[in-house]
Amino acid sequence: MKSSQSFKIQSLLQLYEMLPEEERLIVDWLRQLVKENLPTYCKEKISYNVPFFYGKKSICIIWPSRSARRNKERSSVWLLYGNRFEGC
């Protein structure tokens, strides 16, 4: 994947096209999990070249693994205000 400084991902589709299939499945599963547990007024956008969820405040980022070292790095969810996840 190109450096985030030189390339800006504009859509989820564009992100998915750049990820290996296994990571695409993991990212999609994590997105669905987050979306099912957020209030309906919370939104998703691409920010920092990754899926970003927000409500009144930033909630979480789904950070896909882009490393060739598959066994050492996996996709993850970064909680920004995890203690406010339910009431975002």
Protein backbone atom coordinates (compact mmCIF):
# COMPACT_ATOMS: atom_id res chain seq x y z
CA MET A 1 0.00 0.00 0.00
CA LYS A 2 1.21 3.48 -0.77
CA SER A 3 2.18 5.82 2.03
CA SER A 4 -0.77 7.65 3.58
CA GLN A 5 1.16 10.89 3.06
CA SER A 6 1.21 10.46 -0.71
CA PHE A 7 -2.17 8.80 -1.22
CA LYS A 8 -5.59 9.66 0.17
CA ILE A 9 -8.25 6.97 0.24
CA GLN A 10 -11.58 8.50 -0.75
CA SER A 11 -14.00 5.62 -0.13
CA LEU A 12 -14.46 2.31 1.63
CA LEU A 13 -14.46 0.55 -1.73
CA GLN A 14 -11.05 2.02 -2.52
CA LEU A 15 -9.73 0.83 0.85
CA TYR A 16 -11.12 -2.67 0.31
CA GLU A 17 -9.48 -2.88 -3.12
CA MET A 18 -6.10 -2.22 -1.53
CA LEU A 19 -6.37 -4.79 1.26
CA PRO A 20 -5.55 -8.48 1.01
CA GLU A 21 -8.73 -10.59 1.06
CA GLU A 22 -8.21 -11.87 4.61
CA GLU A 23 -7.80 -8.36 6.00
CA ARG A 24 -10.75 -7.09 3.96
CA LEU A 25 -12.94 -9.73 5.64
CA ILE A 26 -11.63 -8.80 9.09
CA VAL A 27 -12.15 -5.07 8.51
CA ASP A 28 -15.65 -5.66 7.19
CA TRP A 29 -16.52 -7.84 10.20
CA LEU A 30 -15.16 -5.21 12.62
CA ARG A 31 -17.14 -2.46 10.83
CA GLN A 32 -20.36 -4.45 11.10
CA LEU A 33 -19.72 -5.15 14.79
CA VAL A 34 -19.16 -1.46 15.52
CA LYS A 35 -22.16 -0.33 13.44
CA GLU A 36 -24.49 -2.81 15.20
CA ASN A 37 -23.51 -1.41 18.60
CA LEU A 38 -23.63 2.34 17.92
CA PRO A 39 -26.71 4.53 18.26
CA THR A 40 -28.30 5.34 14.90
CA TYR A 41 -27.15 8.98 14.92
CA CYS A 42 -23.47 7.96 14.90
CA LYS A 43 -21.75 8.10 11.53
CA GLU A 44 -18.85 6.58 9.65
CA LYS A 45 -16.38 8.22 7.29
CA ILE A 46 -12.93 7.58 5.90
CA SER A 47 -10.40 9.56 7.90
CA TYR A 48 -6.65 9.00 8.17
CA ASN A 49 -7.23 6.52 5.28
CA VAL A 50 -9.22 4.17 7.56
CA PRO A 51 -12.86 3.71 8.69
CA PHE A 52 -13.60 6.29 11.40
CA PHE A 53 -16.76 6.37 13.54
CA TYR A 54 -18.05 9.43 15.34
CA GLY A 55 -21.07 10.88 17.11
CA LYS A 56 -20.84 13.90 19.35
CA LYS A 57 -17.15 12.98 19.68
CA SER A 58 -14.73 10.67 17.93
CA ILE A 59 -15.54 7.08 18.88
CA CYS A 60 -13.21 4.62 17.18
CA ILE A 61 -10.99 3.86 14.23
CA ILE A 62 -10.66 0.50 12.51
CA TRP A 63 -7.02 0.19 11.61
CA PRO A 64 -6.37 -2.43 8.90
CA SER A 65 -3.12 -4.32 8.86
CA ARG A 66 -1.17 -3.38 5.77
CA SER A 67 1.95 -5.28 6.68
CA ALA A 68 3.39 -8.10 4.65
CA ARG A 69 4.22 -9.79 7.95
CA ARG A 70 0.76 -11.32 8.37
CA ASN A 71 1.58 -13.32 11.48
CA LYS A 72 2.74 -10.31 13.50
CA GLU A 73 0.19 -7.65 12.69
CA ARG A 74 -3.60 -7.77 12.39
CA SER A 75 -6.40 -5.28 11.98
CA SER A 76 -7.52 -3.62 15.18
CA VAL A 77 -10.09 -1.24 16.63
CA TRP A 78 -8.73 1.85 18.35
CA LEU A 79 -11.18 3.26 20.88
CA LEU A 80 -10.85 7.00 21.27
CA TYR A 81 -13.60 7.48 23.87
CA GLY A 82 -14.23 3.84 24.75
CA ASN A 83 -15.83 4.72 28.06
CA ARG A 84 -18.51 6.63 26.13
CA PHE A 85 -19.05 4.02 23.40
CA GLU A 86 -22.70 3.37 24.30
CA GLY A 87 -23.73 7.03 24.54
CA CYS A 88 -21.45 8.44 21.85
